[in-house]
Amino acid sequence: KPTSGEAFVFGQDVAKKSSQVRKMI
Protein backbone atom coordinates (compact mmCIF):
# COMPACT_ATOMS: atom_id res chain seq x y z
CA LYS A 1 0.00 0.00 0.00
CA PRO A 2 1.33 3.48 -0.77
CA THR A 3 2.16 5.89 2.04
CA SER A 4 0.42 8.67 0.15
CA GLY A 5 -0.74 9.53 -3.34
CA GLU A 6 -2.98 7.49 -5.63
CA ALA A 7 -2.54 4.66 -8.12
CA PHE A 8 -5.19 3.33 -10.48
CA VAL A 9 -5.29 0.31 -12.77
CA PHE A 10 -7.96 0.67 -15.44
CA GLY A 11 -9.67 3.23 -13.21
CA GLN A 12 -9.64 1.05 -10.08
CA ASP A 13 -7.82 2.33 -6.99
CA VAL A 14 -5.17 -0.30 -6.18
CA ALA A 15 -5.41 0.39 -2.43
CA LYS A 16 -9.21 0.50 -2.14
CA LYS A 17 -10.26 -1.92 -4.91
CA SER A 18 -7.46 -4.48 -4.69
CA SER A 19 -9.65 -7.54 -5.37
CA GLN A 20 -11.03 -5.97 -8.58
CA VAL A 21 -7.51 -4.99 -9.68
CA ARG A 22 -6.16 -8.52 -9.15
CA LYS A 23 -8.81 -9.91 -11.52
CA MET A 24 -7.41 -7.77 -14.34
CA ILE A 25 -3.67 -8.21 -13.89
mmCIF file of all heavy atoms, coordinates in Angstrom:
data_MODEL
# 
_entry.id   MODEL 
# 
loop_
_atom_site.group_PDB 
_atom_site.id 
_atom_site.type_symbol 
_atom_site.label_atom_id 
_atom_site.label_alt_id 
_atom_site.label_comp_id 
_atom_site.label_asym_id 
_atom_site.label_entity_id 
_atom_site.label_seq_id 
_atom_site.pdbx_PDB_ins_code 
_atom_site.Cartn_x 
_atom_site.Cartn_y 
_atom_site.Cartn_z 
_atom_site.occupancy 
_atom_site.B_iso_or_equiv 
_atom_site.pdbx_formal_charge 
_atom_site.auth_seq_id 
_atom_site.auth_comp_id 
_atom_site.auth_asym_id 
_atom_site.auth_atom_id 
_atom_site.pdbx_PDB_model_num 
ATOM 1   N N   . LYS A 1 1  ? 0.852   -1.188  0.000   1.00 0.00 ? 1  LYS A N   1 
ATOM 2   C CA  . LYS A 1 1  ? 0.000   0.000   0.000   1.00 0.00 ? 1  LYS A CA  1 
ATOM 3   C C   . LYS A 1 1  ? 0.888   1.238   0.000   1.00 0.00 ? 1  LYS A C   1 
ATOM 4   O O   . LYS A 1 1  ? 1.914   1.277   0.689   1.00 0.00 ? 1  LYS A O   1 
ATOM 5   C CB  . LYS A 1 1  ? -0.921  0.002   1.218   1.00 0.00 ? 1  LYS A CB  1 
ATOM 6   C CG  . LYS A 1 1  ? -2.034  -1.043  1.155   1.00 0.00 ? 1  LYS A CG  1 
ATOM 7   C CD  . LYS A 1 1  ? -3.006  -0.867  2.287   1.00 0.00 ? 1  LYS A CD  1 
ATOM 8   C CE  . LYS A 1 1  ? -4.131  -1.898  2.200   1.00 0.00 ? 1  LYS A CE  1 
ATOM 9   N NZ  . LYS A 1 1  ? -4.960  -1.710  1.006   1.00 0.00 ? 1  LYS A NZ  1 
ATOM 10  N N   . PRO A 1 2  ? 0.516   2.260   -0.749  1.00 0.00 ? 2  PRO A N   1 
ATOM 11  C CA  . PRO A 1 2  ? 1.325   3.484   -0.767  1.00 0.00 ? 2  PRO A CA  1 
ATOM 12  C C   . PRO A 1 2  ? 1.194   4.245   0.545   1.00 0.00 ? 2  PRO A C   1 
ATOM 13  O O   . PRO A 1 2  ? 0.191   4.136   1.249   1.00 0.00 ? 2  PRO A O   1 
ATOM 14  C CB  . PRO A 1 2  ? 0.725   4.278   -1.932  1.00 0.00 ? 2  PRO A CB  1 
ATOM 15  C CG  . PRO A 1 2  ? -0.691  3.809   -2.030  1.00 0.00 ? 2  PRO A CG  1 
ATOM 16  C CD  . PRO A 1 2  ? -0.662  2.356   -1.650  1.00 0.00 ? 2  PRO A CD  1 
ATOM 17  N N   . THR A 1 3  ? 2.221   5.016   0.872   1.00 0.00 ? 3  THR A N   1 
ATOM 18  C CA  . THR A 1 3  ? 2.164   5.890   2.044   1.00 0.00 ? 3  THR A CA  1 
ATOM 19  C C   . THR A 1 3  ? 1.250   7.065   1.781   1.00 0.00 ? 3  THR A C   1 
ATOM 20  O O   . THR A 1 3  ? 0.471   7.474   2.642   1.00 0.00 ? 3  THR A O   1 
ATOM 21  C CB  . THR A 1 3  ? 3.579   6.377   2.406   1.00 0.00 ? 3  THR A CB  1 
ATOM 22  O OG1 . THR A 1 3  ? 4.432   5.235   2.613   1.00 0.00 ? 3  THR A OG1 1 
ATOM 23  C CG2 . THR A 1 3  ? 3.567   7.230   3.660   1.00 0.00 ? 3  THR A CG2 1 
ATOM 24  N N   . SER A 1 4  ? 1.324   7.599   0.574   1.00 0.00 ? 4  SER A N   1 
ATOM 25  C CA  . SER A 1 4  ? 0.421   8.670   0.153   1.00 0.00 ? 4  SER A CA  1 
ATOM 26  C C   . SER A 1 4  ? 0.368   8.684   -1.368  1.00 0.00 ? 4  SER A C   1 
ATOM 27  O O   . SER A 1 4  ? 1.132   7.996   -2.040  1.00 0.00 ? 4  SER A O   1 
ATOM 28  C CB  . SER A 1 4  ? 0.877   10.029  0.696   1.00 0.00 ? 4  SER A CB  1 
ATOM 29  O OG  . SER A 1 4  ? 2.145   10.384  0.169   1.00 0.00 ? 4  SER A OG  1 
ATOM 30  N N   . GLY A 1 5  ? -0.550  9.497   -1.902  1.00 0.00 ? 5  GLY A N   1 
ATOM 31  C CA  . GLY A 1 5  ? -0.744  9.525   -3.339  1.00 0.00 ? 5  GLY A CA  1 
ATOM 32  C C   . GLY A 1 5  ? -1.755  8.482   -3.772  1.00 0.00 ? 5  GLY A C   1 
ATOM 33  O O   . GLY A 1 5  ? -2.324  7.750   -2.948  1.00 0.00 ? 5  GLY A O   1 
ATOM 34  N N   . GLU A 1 6  ? -1.977  8.398   -5.088  1.00 0.00 ? 6  GLU A N   1 
ATOM 35  C CA  . GLU A 1 6  ? -2.977  7.486   -5.632  1.00 0.00 ? 6  GLU A CA  1 
ATOM 36  C C   . GLU A 1 6  ? -2.403  6.696   -6.808  1.00 0.00 ? 6  GLU A C   1 
ATOM 37  O O   . GLU A 1 6  ? -1.550  7.198   -7.540  1.00 0.00 ? 6  GLU A O   1 
ATOM 38  C CB  . GLU A 1 6  ? -4.209  8.265   -6.115  1.00 0.00 ? 6  GLU A CB  1 
ATOM 39  C CG  . GLU A 1 6  ? -4.940  9.023   -5.025  1.00 0.00 ? 6  GLU A CG  1 
ATOM 40  C CD  . GLU A 1 6  ? -6.088  9.842   -5.585  1.00 0.00 ? 6  GLU A CD  1 
ATOM 41  O OE1 . GLU A 1 6  ? -5.810  10.688  -6.452  1.00 0.00 ? 6  GLU A OE1 1 
ATOM 42  O OE2 . GLU A 1 6  ? -7.242  9.634   -5.166  1.00 0.00 ? 6  GLU A OE2 1 
ATOM 43  N N   . ALA A 1 7  ? -2.923  5.487   -6.981  1.00 0.00 ? 7  ALA A N   1 
ATOM 44  C CA  . ALA A 1 7  ? -2.543  4.661   -8.124  1.00 0.00 ? 7  ALA A CA  1 
ATOM 45  C C   . ALA A 1 7  ? -3.770  3.900   -8.595  1.00 0.00 ? 7  ALA A C   1 
ATOM 46  O O   . ALA A 1 7  ? -4.478  3.276   -7.796  1.00 0.00 ? 7  ALA A O   1 
ATOM 47  C CB  . ALA A 1 7  ? -1.432  3.692   -7.736  1.00 0.00 ? 7  ALA A CB  1 
ATOM 48  N N   . PHE A 1 8  ? -4.014  3.967   -9.901  1.00 0.00 ? 8  PHE A N   1 
ATOM 49  C CA  . PHE A 1 8  ? -5.191  3.334   -10.481 1.00 0.00 ? 8  PHE A CA  1 
ATOM 50  C C   . PHE A 1 8  ? -4.777  2.375   -11.596 1.00 0.00 ? 8  PHE A C   1 
ATOM 51  O O   . PHE A 1 8  ? -3.864  2.667   -12.369 1.00 0.00 ? 8  PHE A O   1 
ATOM 52  C CB  . PHE A 1 8  ? -6.149  4.382   -11.056 1.00 0.00 ? 8  PHE A CB  1 
ATOM 53  C CG  . PHE A 1 8  ? -6.644  5.379   -10.044 1.00 0.00 ? 8  PHE A CG  1 
ATOM 54  C CD1 . PHE A 1 8  ? -5.925  6.535   -9.779  1.00 0.00 ? 8  PHE A CD1 1 
ATOM 55  C CD2 . PHE A 1 8  ? -7.824  5.158   -9.343  1.00 0.00 ? 8  PHE A CD2 1 
ATOM 56  C CE1 . PHE A 1 8  ? -6.372  7.462   -8.846  1.00 0.00 ? 8  PHE A CE1 1 
ATOM 57  C CE2 . PHE A 1 8  ? -8.284  6.071   -8.400  1.00 0.00 ? 8  PHE A CE2 1 
ATOM 58  C CZ  . PHE A 1 8  ? -7.557  7.230   -8.154  1.00 0.00 ? 8  PHE A CZ  1 
ATOM 59  N N   . VAL A 1 9  ? -5.442  1.249   -11.673 1.00 0.00 ? 9  VAL A N   1 
ATOM 60  C CA  . VAL A 1 9  ? -5.287  0.308   -12.770 1.00 0.00 ? 9  VAL A CA  1 
ATOM 61  C C   . VAL A 1 9  ? -6.644  0.183   -13.456 1.00 0.00 ? 9  VAL A C   1 
ATOM 62  O O   . VAL A 1 9  ? -7.616  -0.247  -12.828 1.00 0.00 ? 9  VAL A O   1 
ATOM 63  C CB  . VAL A 1 9  ? -4.797  -1.066  -12.275 1.00 0.00 ? 9  VAL A CB  1 
ATOM 64  C CG1 . VAL A 1 9  ? -4.917  -2.111  -13.382 1.00 0.00 ? 9  VAL A CG1 1 
ATOM 65  C CG2 . VAL A 1 9  ? -3.345  -0.979  -11.807 1.00 0.00 ? 9  VAL A CG2 1 
ATOM 66  N N   . PHE A 1 10 ? -6.700  0.618   -14.695 1.00 0.00 ? 10 PHE A N   1 
ATOM 67  C CA  . PHE A 1 10 ? -7.964  0.674   -15.444 1.00 0.00 ? 10 PHE A CA  1 
ATOM 68  C C   . PHE A 1 10 ? -9.065  1.328   -14.604 1.00 0.00 ? 10 PHE A C   1 
ATOM 69  O O   . PHE A 1 10 ? -10.202 0.854   -14.540 1.00 0.00 ? 10 PHE A O   1 
ATOM 70  C CB  . PHE A 1 10 ? -8.385  -0.721  -15.911 1.00 0.00 ? 10 PHE A CB  1 
ATOM 71  C CG  . PHE A 1 10 ? -7.515  -1.271  -17.008 1.00 0.00 ? 10 PHE A CG  1 
ATOM 72  C CD1 . PHE A 1 10 ? -6.572  -2.251  -16.739 1.00 0.00 ? 10 PHE A CD1 1 
ATOM 73  C CD2 . PHE A 1 10 ? -7.617  -0.786  -18.305 1.00 0.00 ? 10 PHE A CD2 1 
ATOM 74  C CE1 . PHE A 1 10 ? -5.757  -2.748  -17.743 1.00 0.00 ? 10 PHE A CE1 1 
ATOM 75  C CE2 . PHE A 1 10 ? -6.807  -1.280  -19.325 1.00 0.00 ? 10 PHE A CE2 1 
ATOM 76  C CZ  . PHE A 1 10 ? -5.876  -2.265  -19.042 1.00 0.00 ? 10 PHE A CZ  1 
ATOM 77  N N   . GLY A 1 11 ? -8.704  2.439   -13.962 1.00 0.00 ? 11 GLY A N   1 
ATOM 78  C CA  . GLY A 1 11 ? -9.666  3.227   -13.215 1.00 0.00 ? 11 GLY A CA  1 
ATOM 79  C C   . GLY A 1 11 ? -9.964  2.745   -11.816 1.00 0.00 ? 11 GLY A C   1 
ATOM 80  O O   . GLY A 1 11 ? -10.685 3.415   -11.068 1.00 0.00 ? 11 GLY A O   1 
ATOM 81  N N   . GLN A 1 12 ? -9.395  1.599   -11.417 1.00 0.00 ? 12 GLN A N   1 
ATOM 82  C CA  . GLN A 1 12 ? -9.639  1.052   -10.082 1.00 0.00 ? 12 GLN A CA  1 
ATOM 83  C C   . GLN A 1 12 ? -8.488  1.403   -9.140  1.00 0.00 ? 12 GLN A C   1 
ATOM 84  O O   . GLN A 1 12 ? -7.319  1.170   -9.462  1.00 0.00 ? 12 GLN A O   1 
ATOM 85  C CB  . GLN A 1 12 ? -9.804  -0.469  -10.147 1.00 0.00 ? 12 GLN A CB  1 
ATOM 86  C CG  . GLN A 1 12 ? -10.958 -0.943  -11.014 1.00 0.00 ? 12 GLN A CG  1 
ATOM 87  C CD  . GLN A 1 12 ? -12.315 -0.577  -10.424 1.00 0.00 ? 12 GLN A CD  1 
ATOM 88  O OE1 . GLN A 1 12 ? -12.520 -0.626  -9.216  1.00 0.00 ? 12 GLN A OE1 1 
ATOM 89  N NE2 . GLN A 1 12 ? -13.257 -0.189  -11.286 1.00 0.00 ? 12 GLN A NE2 1 
ATOM 90  N N   . ASP A 1 13 ? -8.823  1.969   -7.995  1.00 0.00 ? 13 ASP A N   1 
ATOM 91  C CA  . ASP A 1 13 ? -7.820  2.332   -6.993  1.00 0.00 ? 13 ASP A CA  1 
ATOM 92  C C   . ASP A 1 13 ? -7.172  1.064   -6.446  1.00 0.00 ? 13 ASP A C   1 
ATOM 93  O O   . ASP A 1 13 ? -7.852  0.187   -5.901  1.00 0.00 ? 13 ASP A O   1 
ATOM 94  C CB  . ASP A 1 13 ? -8.494  3.113   -5.861  1.00 0.00 ? 13 ASP A CB  1 
ATOM 95  C CG  . ASP A 1 13 ? -7.497  3.731   -4.892  1.00 0.00 ? 13 ASP A CG  1 
ATOM 96  O OD1 . ASP A 1 13 ? -6.603  3.005   -4.421  1.00 0.00 ? 13 ASP A OD1 1 
ATOM 97  O OD2 . ASP A 1 13 ? -7.631  4.928   -4.599  1.00 0.00 ? 13 ASP A OD2 1 
ATOM 98  N N   . VAL A 1 14 ? -5.845  0.941   -6.577  1.00 0.00 ? 14 VAL A N   1 
ATOM 99  C CA  . VAL A 1 14 ? -5.166  -0.296  -6.184  1.00 0.00 ? 14 VAL A CA  1 
ATOM 100 C C   . VAL A 1 14 ? -5.209  -0.533  -4.681  1.00 0.00 ? 14 VAL A C   1 
ATOM 101 O O   . VAL A 1 14 ? -5.106  -1.675  -4.220  1.00 0.00 ? 14 VAL A O   1 
ATOM 102 C CB  . VAL A 1 14 ? -3.695  -0.312  -6.679  1.00 0.00 ? 14 VAL A CB  1 
ATOM 103 C CG1 . VAL A 1 14 ? -3.627  -0.235  -8.186  1.00 0.00 ? 14 VAL A CG1 1 
ATOM 104 C CG2 . VAL A 1 14 ? -2.879  0.811   -6.037  1.00 0.00 ? 14 VAL A CG2 1 
ATOM 105 N N   . ALA A 1 15 ? -5.358  0.534   -3.892  1.00 0.00 ? 15 ALA A N   1 
ATOM 106 C CA  . ALA A 1 15 ? -5.415  0.393   -2.433  1.00 0.00 ? 15 ALA A CA  1 
ATOM 107 C C   . ALA A 1 15 ? -6.826  0.067   -1.956  1.00 0.00 ? 15 ALA A C   1 
ATOM 108 O O   . ALA A 1 15 ? -7.007  -0.723  -1.029  1.00 0.00 ? 15 ALA A O   1 
ATOM 109 C CB  . ALA A 1 15 ? -4.907  1.664   -1.760  1.00 0.00 ? 15 ALA A CB  1 
ATOM 110 N N   . LYS A 1 16 ? -7.830  0.653   -2.600  1.00 0.00 ? 16 LYS A N   1 
ATOM 111 C CA  . LYS A 1 16 ? -9.215  0.502   -2.140  1.00 0.00 ? 16 LYS A CA  1 
ATOM 112 C C   . LYS A 1 16 ? -9.980  -0.596  -2.878  1.00 0.00 ? 16 LYS A C   1 
ATOM 113 O O   . LYS A 1 16 ? -10.967 -1.125  -2.365  1.00 0.00 ? 16 LYS A O   1 
ATOM 114 C CB  . LYS A 1 16 ? -9.959  1.824   -2.294  1.00 0.00 ? 16 LYS A CB  1 
ATOM 115 C CG  . LYS A 1 16 ? -9.364  2.955   -1.474  1.00 0.00 ? 16 LYS A CG  1 
ATOM 116 C CD  . LYS A 1 16 ? -10.076 4.271   -1.754  1.00 0.00 ? 16 LYS A CD  1 
ATOM 117 C CE  . LYS A 1 16 ? -9.451  5.424   -0.964  1.00 0.00 ? 16 LYS A CE  1 
ATOM 118 N NZ  . LYS A 1 16 ? -10.102 6.722   -1.277  1.00 0.00 ? 16 LYS A NZ  1 
ATOM 119 N N   . LYS A 1 17 ? -9.551  -0.936  -4.088  1.00 0.00 ? 17 LYS A N   1 
ATOM 120 C CA  . LYS A 1 17 ? -10.257 -1.923  -4.912  1.00 0.00 ? 17 LYS A CA  1 
ATOM 121 C C   . LYS A 1 17 ? -9.304  -3.042  -5.327  1.00 0.00 ? 17 LYS A C   1 
ATOM 122 O O   . LYS A 1 17 ? -9.266  -3.458  -6.485  1.00 0.00 ? 17 LYS A O   1 
ATOM 123 C CB  . LYS A 1 17 ? -10.839 -1.251  -6.164  1.00 0.00 ? 17 LYS A CB  1 
ATOM 124 C CG  . LYS A 1 17 ? -11.796 -0.099  -5.872  1.00 0.00 ? 17 LYS A CG  1 
ATOM 125 C CD  . LYS A 1 17 ? -13.132 -0.594  -5.340  1.00 0.00 ? 17 LYS A CD  1 
ATOM 126 C CE  . LYS A 1 17 ? -14.116 0.561   -5.183  1.00 0.00 ? 17 LYS A CE  1 
ATOM 127 N NZ  . LYS A 1 17 ? -15.419 0.095   -4.682  1.00 0.00 ? 17 LYS A NZ  1 
ATOM 128 N N   . SER A 1 18 ? -8.521  -3.525  -4.368  1.00 0.00 ? 18 SER A N   1 
ATOM 129 C CA  . SER A 1 18 ? -7.460  -4.482  -4.693  1.00 0.00 ? 18 SER A CA  1 
ATOM 130 C C   . SER A 1 18 ? -7.999  -5.773  -5.306  1.00 0.00 ? 18 SER A C   1 
ATOM 131 O O   . SER A 1 18 ? -7.387  -6.331  -6.215  1.00 0.00 ? 18 SER A O   1 
ATOM 132 C CB  . SER A 1 18 ? -6.638  -4.797  -3.441  1.00 0.00 ? 18 SER A CB  1 
ATOM 133 O OG  . SER A 1 18 ? -7.455  -5.301  -2.402  1.00 0.00 ? 18 SER A OG  1 
ATOM 134 N N   . SER A 1 19 ? -9.118  -6.279  -4.831  1.00 0.00 ? 19 SER A N   1 
ATOM 135 C CA  . SER A 1 19 ? -9.654  -7.539  -5.374  1.00 0.00 ? 19 SER A CA  1 
ATOM 136 C C   . SER A 1 19 ? -10.067 -7.379  -6.828  1.00 0.00 ? 19 SER A C   1 
ATOM 137 O O   . SER A 1 19 ? -9.854  -8.280  -7.647  1.00 0.00 ? 19 SER A O   1 
ATOM 138 C CB  . SER A 1 19 ? -10.840 -8.025  -4.530  1.00 0.00 ? 19 SER A CB  1 
ATOM 139 O OG  . SER A 1 19 ? -11.881 -7.060  -4.514  1.00 0.00 ? 19 SER A OG  1 
ATOM 140 N N   . GLN A 1 20 ? -10.655 -6.220  -7.183  1.00 0.00 ? 20 GLN A N   1 
ATOM 141 C CA  . GLN A 1 20 ? -11.027 -5.972  -8.581  1.00 0.00 ? 20 GLN A CA  1 
ATOM 142 C C   . GLN A 1 20 ? -9.781  -5.840  -9.461  1.00 0.00 ? 20 GLN A C   1 
ATOM 143 O O   . GLN A 1 20 ? -9.762  -6.320  -10.596 1.00 0.00 ? 20 GLN A O   1 
ATOM 144 C CB  . GLN A 1 20 ? -11.883 -4.698  -8.692  1.00 0.00 ? 20 GLN A CB  1 
ATOM 145 C CG  . GLN A 1 20 ? -13.282 -4.837  -8.121  1.00 0.00 ? 20 GLN A CG  1 
ATOM 146 C CD  . GLN A 1 20 ? -13.373 -4.404  -6.672  1.00 0.00 ? 20 GLN A CD  1 
ATOM 147 O OE1 . GLN A 1 20 ? -12.442 -4.648  -5.898  1.00 0.00 ? 20 GLN A OE1 1 
ATOM 148 N NE2 . GLN A 1 20 ? -14.470 -3.762  -6.299  1.00 0.00 ? 20 GLN A NE2 1 
ATOM 149 N N   . VAL A 1 21 ? -8.753  -5.175  -8.922  1.00 0.00 ? 21 VAL A N   1 
ATOM 150 C CA  . VAL A 1 21 ? -7.512  -4.993  -9.679  1.00 0.00 ? 21 VAL A CA  1 
ATOM 151 C C   . VAL A 1 21 ? -6.870  -6.344  -9.979  1.00 0.00 ? 21 VAL A C   1 
ATOM 152 O O   . VAL A 1 21 ? -6.429  -6.609  -11.097 1.00 0.00 ? 21 VAL A O   1 
ATOM 153 C CB  . VAL A 1 21 ? -6.531  -4.083  -8.919  1.00 0.00 ? 21 VAL A CB  1 
ATOM 154 C CG1 . VAL A 1 21 ? -5.157  -4.086  -9.581  1.00 0.00 ? 21 VAL A CG1 1 
ATOM 155 C CG2 . VAL A 1 21 ? -7.074  -2.657  -8.845  1.00 0.00 ? 21 VAL A CG2 1 
ATOM 156 N N   . ARG A 1 22 ? -6.825  -7.223  -8.977  1.00 0.00 ? 22 ARG A N   1 
ATOM 157 C CA  . ARG A 1 22 ? -6.163  -8.519  -9.151  1.00 0.00 ? 22 ARG A CA  1 
ATOM 158 C C   . ARG A 1 22 ? -6.844  -9.391  -10.205 1.00 0.00 ? 22 ARG A C   1 
ATOM 159 O O   . ARG A 1 22 ? -6.195  -10.270 -10.788 1.00 0.00 ? 22 ARG A O   1 
ATOM 160 C CB  . ARG A 1 22 ? -6.095  -9.255  -7.811  1.00 0.00 ? 22 ARG A CB  1 
ATOM 161 C CG  . ARG A 1 22 ? -5.031  -8.689  -6.871  1.00 0.00 ? 22 ARG A CG  1 
ATOM 162 C CD  . ARG A 1 22 ? -4.749  -9.617  -5.710  1.00 0.00 ? 22 ARG A CD  1 
ATOM 163 N NE  . ARG A 1 22 ? -5.866  -9.668  -4.780  1.00 0.00 ? 22 ARG A NE  1 
ATOM 164 C CZ  . ARG A 1 22 ? -5.990  -8.868  -3.728  1.00 0.00 ? 22 ARG A CZ  1 
ATOM 165 N NH1 . ARG A 1 22 ? -5.092  -7.930  -3.483  1.00 0.00 ? 22 ARG A NH1 1 
ATOM 166 N NH2 . ARG A 1 22 ? -7.028  -8.998  -2.912  1.00 0.00 ? 22 ARG A NH2 1 
ATOM 167 N N   . LYS A 1 23 ? -8.103  -9.148  -10.482 1.00 0.00 ? 23 LYS A N   1 
ATOM 168 C CA  . LYS A 1 23 ? -8.810  -9.914  -11.517 1.00 0.00 ? 23 LYS A CA  1 
ATOM 169 C C   . LYS A 1 23 ? -8.388  -9.489  -12.923 1.00 0.00 ? 23 LYS A C   1 
ATOM 170 O O   . LYS A 1 23 ? -8.625  -10.218 -13.887 1.00 0.00 ? 23 LYS A O   1 
ATOM 171 C CB  . LYS A 1 23 ? -10.322 -9.736  -11.359 1.00 0.00 ? 23 LYS A CB  1 
ATOM 172 C CG  . LYS A 1 23 ? -10.893 -10.371 -10.102 1.00 0.00 ? 23 LYS A CG  1 
ATOM 173 C CD  . LYS A 1 23 ? -12.378 -10.066 -9.958  1.00 0.00 ? 23 LYS A CD  1 
ATOM 174 C CE  . LYS A 1 23 ? -12.936 -10.654 -8.663  1.00 0.00 ? 23 LYS A CE  1 
ATOM 175 N NZ  . LYS A 1 23 ? -14.371 -10.301 -8.481  1.00 0.00 ? 23 LYS A NZ  1 
ATOM 176 N N   . MET A 1 24 ? -7.761  -8.314  -13.026 1.00 0.00 ? 24 MET A N   1 
ATOM 177 C CA  . MET A 1 24 ? -7.410  -7.768  -14.342 1.00 0.00 ? 24 MET A CA  1 
ATOM 178 C C   . MET A 1 24 ? -5.931  -7.894  -14.672 1.00 0.00 ? 24 MET A C   1 
ATOM 179 O O   . MET A 1 24 ? -5.537  -7.634  -15.808 1.00 0.00 ? 24 MET A O   1 
ATOM 180 C CB  . MET A 1 24 ? -7.803  -6.284  -14.406 1.00 0.00 ? 24 MET A CB  1 
ATOM 181 C CG  . MET A 1 24 ? -9.285  -6.016  -14.278 1.00 0.00 ? 24 MET A CG  1 
ATOM 182 S SD  . MET A 1 24 ? -9.676  -4.267  -14.547 1.00 0.00 ? 24 MET A SD  1 
ATOM 183 C CE  . MET A 1 24 ? -9.008  -3.531  -13.052 1.00 0.00 ? 24 MET A CE  1 
ATOM 184 N N   . ILE A 1 25 ? -5.121  -8.260  -13.680 1.00 0.00 ? 25 ILE A N   1 
ATOM 185 C CA  . ILE A 1 25 ? -3.671  -8.209  -13.889 1.00 0.00 ? 25 ILE A CA  1 
ATOM 186 C C   . ILE A 1 25 ? -3.016  -9.574  -13.736 1.00 0.00 ? 25 ILE A C   1 
ATOM 187 O O   . ILE A 1 25 ? -3.565  -10.490 -13.123 1.00 0.00 ? 25 ILE A O   1 
ATOM 188 C CB  . ILE A 1 25 ? -3.004  -7.221  -12.909 1.00 0.00 ? 25 ILE A CB  1 
ATOM 189 C CG1 . ILE A 1 25 ? -3.117  -7.740  -11.458 1.00 0.00 ? 25 ILE A CG1 1 
ATOM 190 C CG2 . ILE A 1 25 ? -3.594  -5.831  -13.058 1.00 0.00 ? 25 ILE A CG2 1 
ATOM 191 C CD1 . ILE A 1 25 ? -2.312  -6.946  -10.454 1.00 0.00 ? 25 ILE A CD1 1 
# 
